[in-house]
N, C-alpha and C. Protein backbone atom coordinates (compact mmCIF):
# COMPACT_ATOMS: atom_id res chain seq x y z
N MET A 1 -14.90 -16.35 -9.70
CA MET A 1 -13.79 -15.00 -9.96
C MET A 1 -12.52 -15.32 -9.53
N THR A 2 -12.21 -15.87 -8.47
CA THR A 2 -10.70 -15.84 -8.00
C THR A 2 -10.19 -16.84 -8.69
N LEU A 3 -10.95 -17.84 -8.88
CA LEU A 3 -10.05 -19.10 -9.76
C LEU A 3 -9.66 -18.74 -11.39
N LEU A 4 -10.58 -17.78 -11.90
CA LEU A 4 -10.10 -17.11 -13.19
C LEU A 4 -8.93 -16.69 -12.98
N PHE A 5 -8.34 -15.75 -11.88
CA PHE A 5 -7.13 -15.29 -11.88
C PHE A 5 -5.88 -16.21 -11.56
N LEU A 6 -6.20 -17.15 -10.93
CA LEU A 6 -5.31 -18.13 -10.47
C LEU A 6 -5.12 -19.27 -11.28
N GLU A 7 -5.61 -19.28 -12.22
CA GLU A 7 -5.81 -20.71 -13.05
C GLU A 7 -4.70 -21.15 -13.93
N GLY A 8 -4.21 -22.27 -13.93
CA GLY A 8 -3.18 -22.62 -15.05
C GLY A 8 -1.96 -21.93 -14.98
N GLY A 9 -1.26 -21.36 -14.01
CA GLY A 9 0.00 -20.80 -14.04
C GLY A 9 -0.27 -19.22 -13.99
N ASN A 10 -1.51 -18.89 -14.58
CA ASN A 10 -1.55 -17.12 -14.63
C ASN A 10 -1.94 -16.73 -13.05
N TYR A 11 -0.52 -16.13 -12.49
CA TYR A 11 -0.78 -15.54 -11.39
C TYR A 11 -0.83 -14.24 -11.31
N MET A 12 -1.36 -13.40 -12.28
CA MET A 12 -1.28 -12.01 -12.41
C MET A 12 -2.22 -11.56 -11.33
N GLY A 13 -3.37 -12.24 -11.01
CA GLY A 13 -4.27 -11.92 -10.01
C GLY A 13 -3.60 -11.80 -8.49
N LEU A 14 -2.89 -12.79 -8.26
CA LEU A 14 -2.08 -12.59 -7.05
C LEU A 14 -1.13 -11.62 -6.88
N PHE A 15 -0.54 -11.66 -7.97
CA PHE A 15 0.49 -10.31 -7.99
C PHE A 15 -0.10 -9.16 -7.69
N ILE A 16 -1.43 -8.79 -8.43
CA ILE A 16 -2.20 -7.42 -8.15
C ILE A 16 -2.55 -7.49 -6.68
N LEU A 17 -2.89 -8.47 -6.04
CA LEU A 17 -3.46 -8.62 -4.66
C LEU A 17 -2.47 -8.17 -3.81
N ILE A 18 -1.26 -8.61 -4.01
CA ILE A 18 0.05 -8.36 -3.43
C ILE A 18 0.20 -6.95 -3.30
N LEU A 19 0.18 -6.26 -4.67
CA LEU A 19 0.56 -4.80 -4.83
C LEU A 19 -0.48 -3.98 -4.17
N VAL A 20 -1.64 -4.38 -4.36
CA VAL A 20 -2.92 -3.90 -3.39
C VAL A 20 -2.47 -3.86 -1.99
N VAL A 21 -1.97 -4.81 -1.38
CA VAL A 21 -1.87 -4.70 0.10
C VAL A 21 -0.81 -3.80 0.40
N MET A 22 0.26 -4.05 -0.58
CA MET A 22 1.52 -3.24 -0.14
C MET A 22 1.28 -1.62 -0.31
N LEU A 23 0.39 -1.22 -1.40
CA LEU A 23 0.19 0.44 -1.53
C LEU A 23 -0.96 0.82 -0.96
N LEU A 24 -2.02 0.12 -0.88
CA LEU A 24 -3.24 0.64 -0.55
C LEU A 24 -3.34 1.47 1.20
N PRO A 25 -2.52 0.84 1.90
CA PRO A 25 -2.88 1.48 3.15
C PRO A 25 -2.09 2.74 3.26
N ALA A 26 -0.70 2.90 2.55
CA ALA A 26 -0.11 4.15 2.25
C ALA A 26 -1.04 5.01 1.46
N ILE A 27 -1.75 4.68 0.79
CA ILE A 27 -2.32 5.54 -0.31
C ILE A 27 -3.62 6.38 0.58
N ILE A 28 -4.39 5.40 1.35
CA ILE A 28 -5.20 5.82 2.28
C ILE A 28 -4.62 6.80 3.30
N MET A 29 -3.59 6.34 3.98
CA MET A 29 -3.16 7.34 5.06
C MET A 29 -2.70 8.61 4.32
N THR A 30 -2.14 8.76 3.44
CA THR A 30 -1.69 9.99 2.64
C THR A 30 -3.24 10.60 2.48
N LEU A 31 -4.12 10.06 1.96
CA LEU A 31 -5.36 10.99 1.48
C LEU A 31 -5.84 11.62 2.92
N ILE A 32 -6.13 10.65 3.99
CA ILE A 32 -6.56 11.22 4.92
C ILE A 32 -5.65 12.24 5.69
N GLY A 33 -4.33 12.00 5.52
CA GLY A 33 -3.51 13.32 5.52
C GLY A 33 -3.59 14.62 5.04
N PHE A 34 -3.82 14.61 3.63
CA PHE A 34 -4.33 15.82 3.08
C PHE A 34 -5.58 16.19 3.49
N GLY A 35 -6.63 15.16 3.94
CA GLY A 35 -8.01 15.81 4.68
C GLY A 35 -7.92 16.68 5.78
N LEU A 36 -6.62 16.09 6.31
CA LEU A 36 -6.53 16.81 7.84
C LEU A 36 -5.54 17.93 7.90
N LYS A 37 -4.85 18.18 7.00
CA LYS A 37 -3.62 18.97 6.74
C LYS A 37 -4.28 20.61 7.49
N LYS A 38 -5.37 21.14 7.30
CA LYS A 38 -5.65 22.42 7.50
C LYS A 38 -6.27 22.32 8.92
N SER A 39 -6.73 21.49 9.37
CA SER A 39 -7.41 21.36 10.82
C SER A 39 -6.42 21.14 11.65
N LYS A 40 -5.86 20.05 11.37
CA LYS A 40 -4.63 19.17 12.39
C LYS A 40 -3.60 19.00 11.65
N PRO A 41 -2.42 19.95 11.45
CA PRO A 41 -1.54 19.92 10.67
C PRO A 41 -0.38 18.91 11.38
N LYS A 42 -0.41 18.93 12.64
CA LYS A 42 0.65 18.05 13.50
C LYS A 42 0.26 16.42 12.89
N THR A 43 -1.06 16.24 13.16
CA THR A 43 -1.53 14.85 12.78
C THR A 43 -1.31 14.34 11.53
N ALA A 44 -1.50 15.51 10.47
CA ALA A 44 -1.37 15.03 9.12
C ALA A 44 0.19 14.75 8.66
N LYS A 45 1.21 15.39 9.38
CA LYS A 45 2.48 15.30 9.29
C LYS A 45 2.86 13.85 9.96
N ILE A 46 2.30 13.45 11.03
CA ILE A 46 2.56 12.16 11.48
C ILE A 46 2.19 11.13 10.43
N LEU A 47 0.91 11.37 9.97
CA LEU A 47 0.20 10.47 9.07
C LEU A 47 1.33 10.39 7.57
N PHE A 48 1.79 11.39 7.55
CA PHE A 48 2.57 11.40 6.21
C PHE A 48 3.80 10.64 6.30
N ILE A 49 4.37 10.76 7.36
CA ILE A 49 5.73 10.00 7.88
C ILE A 49 5.19 8.50 8.09
N ILE A 50 4.40 8.15 8.61
CA ILE A 50 3.87 6.83 8.91
C ILE A 50 3.82 6.28 7.30
N SER A 51 3.13 6.84 6.40
CA SER A 51 2.97 6.24 5.25
C SER A 51 4.38 6.33 4.31
N VAL A 52 5.30 7.04 4.39
CA VAL A 52 6.46 7.00 3.74
C VAL A 52 7.27 5.71 4.51
N THR A 53 7.08 5.75 5.71
CA THR A 53 7.58 4.39 6.20
C THR A 53 7.23 3.11 6.02
N TYR A 54 5.72 3.10 5.96
CA TYR A 54 5.16 2.10 5.26
C TYR A 54 5.62 1.71 4.05
N ILE A 55 5.72 2.61 3.23
CA ILE A 55 5.83 2.31 1.55
C ILE A 55 7.61 1.84 1.59
N ILE A 56 8.41 2.21 2.53
CA ILE A 56 9.98 1.74 2.33
C ILE A 56 9.95 0.56 2.93
N ILE A 57 9.45 0.27 3.95
CA ILE A 57 9.35 -1.11 4.54
C ILE A 57 8.63 -2.33 3.72
N CYS A 58 7.61 -1.94 3.30
CA CYS A 58 6.56 -2.75 2.57
C CYS A 58 7.38 -3.23 0.95
N LEU A 59 7.81 -2.06 0.50
CA LEU A 59 8.69 -2.41 -0.96
C LEU A 59 10.20 -3.02 -0.61
N GLY A 60 10.57 -2.62 0.61
CA GLY A 60 11.82 -3.52 0.94
C GLY A 60 11.45 -4.81 1.22
N ILE A 61 10.63 -5.51 2.10
CA ILE A 61 10.24 -6.61 2.70
C ILE A 61 9.51 -7.53 1.35
N CYS A 62 8.53 -6.92 1.08
CA CYS A 62 7.51 -7.66 0.32
C CYS A 62 8.14 -7.60 -1.20
N GLY A 63 8.96 -6.75 -1.58
CA GLY A 63 9.60 -6.56 -3.02
C GLY A 63 10.51 -7.41 -2.94
N SER A 64 11.39 -7.60 -2.07
CA SER A 64 12.39 -8.78 -2.04
C SER A 64 11.96 -10.00 -2.16
N MET A 65 10.79 -10.25 -1.65
CA MET A 65 9.90 -11.83 -1.37
C MET A 65 9.40 -11.95 -2.67
N MET A 66 9.07 -10.87 -3.47
CA MET A 66 8.45 -11.34 -4.81
C MET A 66 9.44 -11.44 -5.75
N THR A 67 10.84 -11.33 -5.62
CA THR A 67 11.76 -11.38 -6.69
C THR A 67 12.34 -13.08 -6.32
């Protein structure tokens, strides 16, 4: 299955994998933050801040490496 994505110069599978690694942790942290928003608002706020920081750093570093 993996060879199908990377065969013959078609690197779309690798590109999708890099995007998933870049965005998925921030999305998960945001969803956990929304889940904790009512019971622990301070923890949720910290998770939101970490998520935004992760996105800014990841899009800056990984995005510049991809171009």
